[in-house]
Amino acid sequence: MTAIKRSSMPQGSTPAVSQSDTPAVSQSDTPWQEKAIRRLDGLQSFGLVVLLIGLPFSEAVKSAGLAIAVVGFAGKLILGHRPSLGRDGVLAALAVYFAAAALSVIVAAPEMRRPHELVTLAMTVVPFILVLDSIVARPTRRLFLTGAILTGAVVASLIWYGTYDAGSFYRLSLGSIENPVPAGEYLAICLVLGVAVLFAEIRASVAGPIMALTVALTGIALALTQSRGALLGAICGVAFVVWTTVRKRRYVTAVIAVAVVGIMAFAAAKPDSKIADGLDLRSRNTQARLETWRQAGDLIQARPLTGHGLGSFPLLGVTYFDGRVVEHPVSAHNVWINSLAETGILGAAALLAFVVLLLRSAWLSQRRATYPLDGALSRGALGGLLVSLVAGLTATSLDAEPGMLFFTIAAIGISGGRATNARTREVRHGAQ
């Protein structure tokens, strides 16, 4: 990447550093402890890189990366490391959501009780804490972790090209076998993130062409998935990045218009495609979703406060029969309906509060970032969050394993101001 330039500020001045963003360092740490903590911090970041590269296509690589990162983080805590994760209420809202999910499991009917889903949810949230802690400790790792995500997207795209058939759509999966989530959402998030970085590095002799190639590969692979929610999310995410980066806002209209016209033309040319099927309100898939939402509404009315239990939707007996085939949906195909059915009003409200606080923090982060690349990463991550939320209208994109990428992007998105503060401290230390 090119050298990061300072924004327009009076010469010799530096941004104010918030004390709450300063990583806590124990004054009693001995030299060997400090050295060990640095080594373990490097191990944690290495594990995160492995996790993010393997996330879209390899369960084994993803699990190995998560285990390595957790070992590094746990070792740091044992040696006295005190993580600085911010005080913006995001973690508090996340804790409330986890408590509501646990309550839904405790009060659920015995046949609906699935406590192992709490472990899955905890594993989903862990990268959020690990990534945020790693970035606060070493701000430059924010860029390395972003690079790992984009590398994973390129690898997933190449695998897609090499195995393009009907089955590969589900082999490239962020979810479990029981609840596969197509790789389209992952590719859409990476496309938005790549576009944001490309804007910041477009004049770079090396980074610019690499990012342009990454965006092109990811965009083509996303189009091949024909994932309707992911494509709509990508349009919204890219439009947001362009809107907040380019002064001439008419380019946003041009991006949306080109994308919409392209999708409509593709649907007209291939009426048997998934995109054309998604645009047809009379299609089997659309009718199946509508019927699932209707039955889910009845289930929500039966237990409105605490829901039927986290992860219980596949057991609730929701069915769709079109006269030929009986379908048993494993999710509500909507984040909020699924959350209401499983965790009730308490869980859905806590999840909504977390998302609202998260978007607010990410927005303020990209506004406060004084380094161009820091701001670009925050804008790209915020656009990625929009991808997940838009895709979540027709899929469960925030719960269980699919949410792991969402939480990772969230940590990158809200850390822009903190990374700027840490860089400022480095500049001051170097000047002294």
Protein backbone atom coordinates (compact mmCIF):
# COMPACT_ATOMS: atom_id res chain seq x y z
CA MET A 1 0.00 0.00 0.00
CA THR A 2 1.08 3.54 -0.46
CA ALA A 3 2.16 5.65 2.45
CA ILE A 4 -0.80 6.95 4.40
CA LYS A 5 -1.20 10.70 4.10
CA ARG A 6 -2.43 12.98 6.79
CA SER A 7 -5.61 14.92 6.14
CA SER A 8 -5.60 18.69 5.92
CA MET A 9 -4.54 19.87 9.39
CA PRO A 10 -2.34 22.68 10.64
CA GLN A 11 1.30 21.74 10.27
CA GLY A 12 2.77 20.31 13.44
CA SER A 13 -0.62 19.56 14.99
CA THR A 14 -1.88 16.12 15.86
CA PRO A 15 -5.38 14.80 16.49
CA ALA A 16 -6.58 14.63 20.07
CA VAL A 17 -6.14 11.23 21.62
CA SER A 18 -9.01 9.80 23.64
CA GLN A 19 -7.86 8.21 26.86
CA SER A 20 -10.59 5.59 26.61
CA ASP A 21 -9.05 4.38 23.35
CA THR A 22 -5.59 3.97 24.83
CA PRO A 23 -4.67 0.30 25.38
CA ALA A 24 -4.26 -0.41 29.07
CA VAL A 25 -0.68 -1.29 30.00
CA SER A 26 0.22 -2.50 33.44
CA GLN A 27 3.04 -0.54 35.02
CA SER A 28 4.21 -3.69 36.81
CA ASP A 29 4.86 -5.63 33.60
CA THR A 30 8.41 -6.94 33.49
CA PRO A 31 10.40 -6.95 30.22
CA TRP A 32 9.87 -10.68 29.72
CA GLN A 33 6.12 -10.26 30.22
CA GLU A 34 5.96 -7.44 27.69
CA LYS A 35 7.94 -9.51 25.19
CA ALA A 36 5.71 -12.55 25.76
CA ILE A 37 2.56 -10.47 25.35
CA ARG A 38 3.87 -9.09 22.06
CA ARG A 39 4.62 -12.62 20.84
CA LEU A 40 1.18 -13.83 21.87
CA ASP A 41 -0.40 -10.80 20.21
CA GLY A 42 1.35 -11.76 16.99
CA LEU A 43 0.04 -15.33 17.39
CA GLN A 44 -3.47 -13.94 17.87
CA SER A 45 -3.25 -11.86 14.71
CA PHE A 46 -1.81 -14.78 12.73
CA GLY A 47 -4.75 -16.93 13.82
CA LEU A 48 -7.17 -14.23 12.71
CA VAL A 49 -5.52 -14.04 9.28
CA VAL A 50 -5.87 -17.82 8.88
CA LEU A 51 -9.49 -17.63 10.05
CA LEU A 52 -10.44 -14.88 7.61
CA ILE A 53 -8.74 -16.49 4.61
CA GLY A 54 -10.39 -19.86 5.26
CA LEU A 55 -13.79 -18.53 6.30
CA PRO A 56 -15.64 -18.78 2.96
CA PHE A 57 -14.55 -22.24 1.85
CA SER A 58 -12.78 -24.34 4.50
CA GLU A 59 -14.25 -25.33 7.87
CA ALA A 60 -10.94 -26.88 8.95
CA VAL A 61 -8.85 -23.79 8.14
CA LYS A 62 -11.41 -21.51 9.78
CA SER A 63 -11.51 -23.60 12.97
CA ALA A 64 -7.72 -23.84 13.14
CA GLY A 65 -7.37 -20.06 12.77
CA LEU A 66 -9.96 -19.43 15.48
CA ALA A 67 -8.22 -21.84 17.87
CA ILE A 68 -4.82 -20.20 17.30
CA ALA A 69 -6.26 -16.72 17.86
CA VAL A 70 -8.04 -17.77 21.05
CA VAL A 71 -4.85 -19.36 22.44
CA GLY A 72 -2.93 -16.14 21.79
CA PHE A 73 -5.61 -13.98 23.39
CA ALA A 74 -5.96 -16.26 26.42
CA GLY A 75 -2.20 -16.25 26.93
CA LYS A 76 -2.18 -12.45 26.91
CA LEU A 77 -4.92 -12.35 29.53
CA ILE A 78 -3.01 -14.78 31.76
CA LEU A 79 0.06 -12.53 31.58
CA GLY A 80 -1.96 -9.49 32.66
CA HIS A 81 -3.09 -7.99 29.36
CA ARG A 82 -6.16 -5.77 29.74
CA PRO A 83 -7.94 -5.41 26.40
CA SER A 84 -9.26 -1.96 25.45
CA LEU A 85 -12.46 -2.54 23.52
CA GLY A 86 -14.10 0.88 23.77
CA ARG A 87 -16.96 2.34 25.78
CA ASP A 88 -19.55 3.05 23.12
CA GLY A 89 -22.19 0.61 24.40
CA VAL A 90 -21.74 -1.87 21.55
CA LEU A 91 -20.33 -4.63 23.74
CA ALA A 92 -22.97 -4.01 26.40
CA ALA A 93 -25.75 -4.44 23.82
CA LEU A 94 -24.08 -7.58 22.55
CA ALA A 95 -23.93 -8.97 26.11
CA VAL A 96 -27.65 -8.24 26.57
CA TYR A 97 -28.43 -10.07 23.32
CA PHE A 98 -26.43 -13.09 24.46
CA ALA A 99 -28.28 -13.05 27.80
CA ALA A 100 -31.64 -12.91 25.99
CA ALA A 101 -30.58 -15.83 23.78
CA ALA A 102 -29.55 -17.83 26.86
CA LEU A 103 -32.89 -17.05 28.52
CA SER A 104 -34.75 -18.29 25.43
CA VAL A 105 -32.93 -21.62 25.73
CA ILE A 106 -33.57 -21.92 29.47
CA VAL A 107 -37.33 -21.32 29.26
CA ALA A 108 -37.84 -23.26 26.02
CA ALA A 109 -39.81 -26.47 25.94
CA PRO A 110 -37.57 -29.51 26.61
CA GLU A 111 -37.85 -30.76 23.03
CA MET A 112 -36.84 -27.32 21.71
CA ARG A 113 -33.93 -26.73 24.08
CA ARG A 114 -30.60 -26.62 22.20
CA PRO A 115 -27.89 -25.33 24.57
CA HIS A 116 -25.14 -26.10 22.05
CA GLU A 117 -26.48 -23.20 19.98
CA LEU A 118 -25.18 -20.85 22.71
CA VAL A 119 -21.69 -22.25 22.12
CA THR A 120 -22.08 -21.65 18.39
CA LEU A 121 -23.24 -18.10 19.05
CA ALA A 122 -20.28 -17.48 21.37
CA MET A 123 -17.86 -18.75 18.71
CA THR A 124 -19.54 -16.41 16.22
CA VAL A 125 -18.99 -13.38 18.45
CA VAL A 126 -15.42 -14.23 19.53
CA PRO A 127 -13.77 -12.84 16.33
CA PHE A 128 -15.40 -9.47 17.06
CA ILE A 129 -13.54 -9.21 20.36
CA LEU A 130 -10.29 -10.69 19.02
CA VAL A 131 -10.17 -8.43 15.96
CA LEU A 132 -11.00 -5.30 17.94
CA ASP A 133 -8.37 -6.08 20.57
CA SER A 134 -5.73 -6.82 17.94
CA ILE A 135 -6.41 -3.57 16.05
CA VAL A 136 -6.31 -1.41 19.18
CA ALA A 137 -2.99 -3.00 20.17
CA ARG A 138 -1.46 -2.67 16.68
CA PRO A 139 -3.41 -0.32 14.34
CA THR A 140 -1.54 -1.44 11.22
CA ARG A 141 -3.06 -4.90 11.64
CA ARG A 142 -6.39 -3.43 10.63
CA LEU A 143 -5.03 -3.28 7.11
CA PHE A 144 -3.54 -6.79 7.28
CA LEU A 145 -6.84 -8.27 8.48
CA THR A 146 -8.67 -6.48 5.68
CA GLY A 147 -6.15 -7.93 3.25
CA ALA A 148 -6.84 -11.39 4.67
CA ILE A 149 -10.57 -10.98 4.03
CA LEU A 150 -9.95 -9.87 0.44
CA THR A 151 -7.47 -12.70 -0.09
CA GLY A 152 -10.13 -15.14 1.06
CA ALA A 153 -12.52 -13.61 -1.46
CA VAL A 154 -10.03 -14.02 -4.30
CA VAL A 155 -9.31 -17.64 -3.34
CA ALA A 156 -13.03 -18.35 -3.07
CA SER A 157 -13.56 -16.75 -6.49
CA LEU A 158 -10.85 -18.89 -8.09
CA ILE A 159 -12.31 -22.02 -6.51
CA TRP A 160 -15.69 -20.97 -7.84
CA TYR A 161 -14.34 -20.66 -11.36
CA GLY A 162 -12.71 -24.09 -11.10
CA THR A 163 -15.80 -25.89 -9.73
CA TYR A 164 -18.65 -23.97 -11.32
CA ASP A 165 -21.67 -26.28 -11.25
CA ALA A 166 -24.95 -26.56 -9.42
CA GLY A 167 -23.43 -28.14 -6.30
CA SER A 168 -20.58 -25.65 -5.87
CA PHE A 169 -23.08 -22.95 -4.91
CA TYR A 170 -23.51 -24.67 -1.55
CA ARG A 171 -19.99 -26.03 -1.19
CA LEU A 172 -18.77 -22.45 -1.09
CA SER A 173 -20.67 -21.86 2.11
CA LEU A 174 -20.39 -19.73 5.22
CA GLY A 175 -22.91 -21.84 7.08
CA SER A 176 -23.22 -25.37 8.40
CA ILE A 177 -24.56 -28.30 6.37
CA GLU A 178 -27.96 -27.88 8.02
CA ASN A 179 -28.14 -24.17 7.25
CA PRO A 180 -25.99 -23.33 4.22
CA VAL A 181 -25.54 -19.68 3.39
CA PRO A 182 -24.25 -19.14 -0.14
CA ALA A 183 -20.89 -17.53 -0.66
CA GLY A 184 -22.62 -14.66 -2.42
CA GLU A 185 -22.93 -12.69 0.81
CA TYR A 186 -19.22 -13.10 1.55
CA LEU A 187 -18.30 -12.01 -1.96
CA ALA A 188 -20.67 -9.03 -1.78
CA ILE A 189 -19.11 -7.79 1.47
CA CYS A 190 -15.62 -8.22 0.05
CA LEU A 191 -16.61 -6.41 -3.14
CA VAL A 192 -17.78 -3.39 -1.16
CA LEU A 193 -14.68 -3.46 1.05
CA GLY A 194 -12.46 -3.77 -2.02
CA VAL A 195 -14.14 -0.81 -3.76
CA ALA A 196 -13.55 1.38 -0.68
CA VAL A 197 -9.84 0.45 -0.52
CA LEU A 198 -9.54 0.92 -4.29
CA PHE A 199 -10.74 4.52 -3.96
CA ALA A 200 -8.02 5.17 -1.38
CA GLU A 201 -5.26 3.39 -3.31
CA ILE A 202 -6.26 4.03 -6.91
CA ARG A 203 -3.16 6.14 -7.58
CA ALA A 204 -0.76 3.62 -6.08
CA SER A 205 1.51 1.91 -8.58
CA VAL A 206 1.24 -1.55 -6.95
CA ALA A 207 -1.73 -1.55 -4.58
CA GLY A 208 -4.06 0.12 -7.12
CA PRO A 209 -3.86 -2.58 -9.83
CA ILE A 210 -4.00 -5.36 -7.22
CA MET A 211 -7.17 -3.92 -5.70
CA ALA A 212 -8.69 -3.40 -9.15
CA LEU A 213 -8.04 -7.07 -9.98
CA THR A 214 -9.48 -8.15 -6.62
CA VAL A 215 -12.64 -6.13 -7.19
CA ALA A 216 -13.02 -7.53 -10.72
CA LEU A 217 -12.59 -11.17 -9.66
CA THR A 218 -14.92 -10.80 -6.70
CA GLY A 219 -17.55 -8.97 -8.76
CA ILE A 220 -17.61 -11.62 -11.48
CA ALA A 221 -17.82 -14.42 -8.93
CA LEU A 222 -20.66 -12.62 -7.15
CA ALA A 223 -22.57 -12.31 -10.43
CA LEU A 224 -22.11 -16.04 -11.07
CA THR A 225 -23.65 -16.97 -7.72
CA GLN A 226 -26.89 -15.22 -8.76
CA SER A 227 -27.55 -14.68 -5.06
CA ARG A 228 -30.43 -12.21 -5.00
CA GLY A 229 -29.97 -10.85 -1.48
CA ALA A 230 -26.21 -10.59 -1.95
CA LEU A 231 -26.54 -8.72 -5.24
CA LEU A 232 -29.04 -6.27 -3.76
CA GLY A 233 -26.79 -5.83 -0.73
CA ALA A 234 -23.77 -5.22 -2.97
CA ILE A 235 -25.64 -2.50 -4.85
CA CYS A 236 -26.54 -0.76 -1.57
CA GLY A 237 -23.02 -1.16 -0.15
CA VAL A 238 -21.19 0.10 -3.23
CA ALA A 239 -23.64 2.99 -3.55
CA PHE A 240 -22.92 3.95 0.07
CA VAL A 241 -19.15 3.85 -0.48
CA VAL A 242 -19.42 5.96 -3.62
CA TRP A 243 -21.81 8.40 -1.91
CA THR A 244 -19.45 8.97 1.02
CA THR A 245 -16.27 9.08 -1.07
CA VAL A 246 -17.03 10.85 -4.35
CA ARG A 247 -18.14 14.47 -4.30
CA LYS A 248 -20.23 14.20 -7.43
CA ARG A 249 -23.21 12.30 -6.11
CA ARG A 250 -24.59 11.65 -9.57
CA TYR A 251 -22.15 8.76 -9.78
CA VAL A 252 -24.19 7.01 -7.09
CA THR A 253 -27.25 7.19 -9.30
CA ALA A 254 -25.18 5.87 -12.19
CA VAL A 255 -23.96 2.88 -10.13
CA ILE A 256 -27.48 1.96 -9.04
CA ALA A 257 -28.92 2.45 -12.53
CA VAL A 258 -26.26 0.31 -14.21
CA ALA A 259 -26.67 -2.46 -11.62
CA VAL A 260 -30.47 -2.51 -11.85
CA VAL A 261 -30.48 -2.44 -15.66
CA GLY A 262 -27.88 -5.22 -15.74
CA ILE A 263 -29.90 -7.43 -13.39
CA MET A 264 -33.13 -6.86 -15.31
CA ALA A 265 -31.41 -7.58 -18.63
CA PHE A 266 -29.91 -10.80 -17.25
CA ALA A 267 -33.30 -11.91 -15.90
CA ALA A 268 -34.92 -11.24 -19.28
CA ALA A 269 -32.19 -13.12 -21.16
CA LYS A 270 -32.29 -16.12 -18.79
CA PRO A 271 -35.84 -16.63 -17.49
CA ASP A 272 -34.85 -19.91 -15.81
CA SER A 273 -32.10 -18.29 -13.70
CA LYS A 274 -32.23 -17.72 -9.94
CA ILE A 275 -32.39 -13.96 -10.48
CA ALA A 276 -35.42 -14.22 -12.75
CA ASP A 277 -36.99 -16.63 -10.29
CA GLY A 278 -36.44 -14.16 -7.46
CA LEU A 279 -38.09 -11.33 -9.38
CA ASP A 280 -41.19 -13.44 -10.06
CA LEU A 281 -43.59 -13.16 -7.12
CA ARG A 282 -45.39 -16.30 -8.32
CA SER A 283 -42.26 -18.48 -8.29
CA ARG A 284 -41.96 -21.43 -5.93
CA ASN A 285 -39.08 -19.90 -3.94
CA THR A 286 -40.92 -16.62 -3.40
CA GLN A 287 -44.13 -18.36 -2.37
CA ALA A 288 -42.17 -20.64 -0.03
CA ARG A 289 -40.68 -17.63 1.73
CA LEU A 290 -44.03 -15.90 2.05
CA GLU A 291 -45.60 -19.01 3.53
CA THR A 292 -42.63 -19.45 5.90
CA TRP A 293 -43.04 -15.89 7.14
CA ARG A 294 -46.78 -16.42 7.64
CA GLN A 295 -46.25 -19.57 9.73
CA ALA A 296 -43.40 -17.91 11.62
CA GLY A 297 -45.80 -15.10 12.54
CA ASP A 298 -48.14 -17.63 14.14
CA LEU A 299 -45.21 -19.08 16.11
CA ILE A 300 -44.18 -15.62 17.30
CA GLN A 301 -47.69 -14.98 18.61
CA ALA A 302 -47.54 -18.25 20.56
CA ARG A 303 -44.41 -17.21 22.52
CA PRO A 304 -43.86 -13.48 21.91
CA LEU A 305 -41.60 -12.57 24.84
CA THR A 306 -38.84 -15.20 24.95
CA GLY A 307 -39.43 -17.16 21.75
CA HIS A 308 -39.13 -20.88 21.24
CA GLY A 309 -35.40 -21.10 21.95
CA LEU A 310 -32.21 -20.19 20.10
CA GLY A 311 -31.67 -22.49 17.11
CA SER A 312 -35.09 -24.13 17.43
CA PHE A 313 -36.60 -23.01 14.10
CA PRO A 314 -35.86 -26.30 12.26
CA LEU A 315 -37.84 -28.10 15.00
CA LEU A 316 -40.93 -25.88 14.89
CA GLY A 317 -42.67 -27.82 12.12
CA VAL A 318 -42.78 -25.07 9.50
CA THR A 319 -43.58 -26.65 6.13
CA TYR A 320 -44.33 -25.58 2.58
CA PHE A 321 -46.12 -27.82 0.09
CA ASP A 322 -46.59 -26.74 -3.50
CA GLY A 323 -48.57 -29.81 -4.57
CA ARG A 324 -45.45 -31.77 -5.52
CA VAL A 325 -42.67 -31.34 -2.95
CA VAL A 326 -42.81 -30.79 0.81
CA GLU A 327 -40.17 -28.34 2.11
CA HIS A 328 -39.11 -27.94 5.75
CA PRO A 329 -37.27 -24.59 6.07
CA VAL A 330 -34.37 -24.58 8.54
CA SER A 331 -34.69 -20.82 9.06
CA ALA A 332 -37.23 -18.07 8.56
CA HIS A 333 -35.25 -16.61 5.62
CA ASN A 334 -35.28 -13.27 7.44
CA VAL A 335 -32.99 -12.19 10.29
CA TRP A 336 -35.62 -10.36 12.30
CA ILE A 337 -38.46 -12.84 11.86
CA ASN A 338 -36.07 -15.65 12.74
CA SER A 339 -34.86 -13.78 15.82
CA LEU A 340 -38.42 -13.07 16.98
CA ALA A 341 -39.39 -16.73 16.55
CA GLU A 342 -36.35 -18.10 18.38
CA THR A 343 -35.49 -15.47 21.01
CA GLY A 344 -38.68 -13.45 21.20
CA ILE A 345 -39.11 -9.72 21.60
CA LEU A 346 -36.32 -9.61 24.21
CA GLY A 347 -33.73 -11.15 21.88
CA ALA A 348 -34.84 -9.28 18.75
CA ALA A 349 -34.87 -5.94 20.58
CA ALA A 350 -31.38 -6.57 21.99
CA LEU A 351 -30.11 -7.56 18.53
CA LEU A 352 -31.67 -4.44 17.04
CA ALA A 353 -30.04 -2.26 19.73
CA PHE A 354 -26.67 -3.87 19.01
CA VAL A 355 -27.01 -3.27 15.26
CA VAL A 356 -28.10 0.36 15.72
CA LEU A 357 -25.22 1.12 18.13
CA LEU A 358 -22.84 -0.70 15.80
CA LEU A 359 -23.87 1.33 12.75
CA ARG A 360 -23.67 4.54 14.77
CA SER A 361 -20.18 3.69 16.03
CA ALA A 362 -18.99 2.71 12.54
CA TRP A 363 -20.41 5.93 11.08
CA LEU A 364 -18.66 8.07 13.69
CA SER A 365 -15.48 6.06 13.16
CA GLN A 366 -15.31 6.85 9.45
CA ARG A 367 -16.08 10.49 10.20
CA ARG A 368 -13.32 10.77 12.82
CA ALA A 369 -10.59 8.91 10.93
CA THR A 370 -7.95 11.47 9.92
CA TYR A 371 -5.90 9.14 7.72
CA PRO A 372 -7.36 8.42 4.24
CA LEU A 373 -6.89 4.66 4.39
CA ASP A 374 -8.36 4.45 7.90
CA GLY A 375 -11.45 6.27 6.68
CA ALA A 376 -11.68 4.04 3.59
CA LEU A 377 -11.57 0.87 5.69
CA SER A 378 -14.31 2.21 7.97
CA ARG A 379 -16.50 3.18 5.01
CA GLY A 380 -15.94 -0.17 3.34
CA ALA A 381 -16.72 -2.05 6.54
CA LEU A 382 -19.86 0.03 7.09
CA GLY A 383 -20.89 -0.77 3.54
CA GLY A 384 -20.23 -4.44 4.30
CA LEU A 385 -22.53 -4.23 7.31
CA LEU A 386 -25.23 -2.85 5.02
CA VAL A 387 -24.71 -5.85 2.73
CA SER A 388 -25.40 -8.25 5.61
CA LEU A 389 -28.45 -6.32 6.76
CA VAL A 390 -29.93 -6.14 3.26
CA ALA A 391 -29.16 -9.82 2.59
CA GLY A 392 -30.72 -10.55 5.97
CA LEU A 393 -34.12 -9.58 4.58
CA THR A 394 -34.20 -12.92 2.73
CA ALA A 395 -31.70 -14.97 4.77
CA THR A 396 -30.43 -15.41 8.32
CA SER A 397 -27.16 -13.54 7.90
CA LEU A 398 -26.42 -12.46 11.49
CA ASP A 399 -26.90 -15.63 13.53
CA ALA A 400 -24.67 -18.67 13.95
CA GLU A 401 -21.66 -19.08 11.65
CA PRO A 402 -22.78 -16.70 8.86
CA GLY A 403 -22.56 -13.92 11.42
CA MET A 404 -18.84 -14.50 11.97
CA LEU A 405 -17.96 -12.37 8.95
CA PHE A 406 -20.50 -9.75 10.03
CA PHE A 407 -18.90 -9.41 13.47
CA THR A 408 -15.40 -9.32 11.98
CA ILE A 409 -16.35 -6.55 9.57
CA ALA A 410 -18.05 -4.75 12.46
CA ALA A 411 -14.82 -4.70 14.49
CA ILE A 412 -12.91 -3.30 11.52
CA GLY A 413 -15.62 -0.71 10.96
CA ILE A 414 -15.75 0.74 14.48
CA SER A 415 -11.99 0.83 14.99
CA GLY A 416 -11.10 3.64 12.57
CA GLY A 417 -10.93 6.38 15.19
CA ARG A 418 -9.06 4.12 17.60
CA ALA A 419 -6.54 3.20 14.92
CA THR A 420 -6.04 6.90 14.21
CA ASN A 421 -5.43 7.57 17.91
CA ALA A 422 -2.90 4.75 18.09
CA ARG A 423 -1.10 6.03 14.98
CA THR A 424 -1.00 9.49 16.53
CA ARG A 425 0.64 8.07 19.63
CA GLU A 426 3.23 6.37 17.41
CA VAL A 427 3.93 9.66 15.61
CA ARG A 428 4.34 11.52 18.91
CA HIS A 429 6.59 8.80 20.27
CA GLY A 430 8.75 8.93 17.13
CA ALA A 431 8.98 12.72 17.31
CA GLN A 432 10.24 12.51 20.87
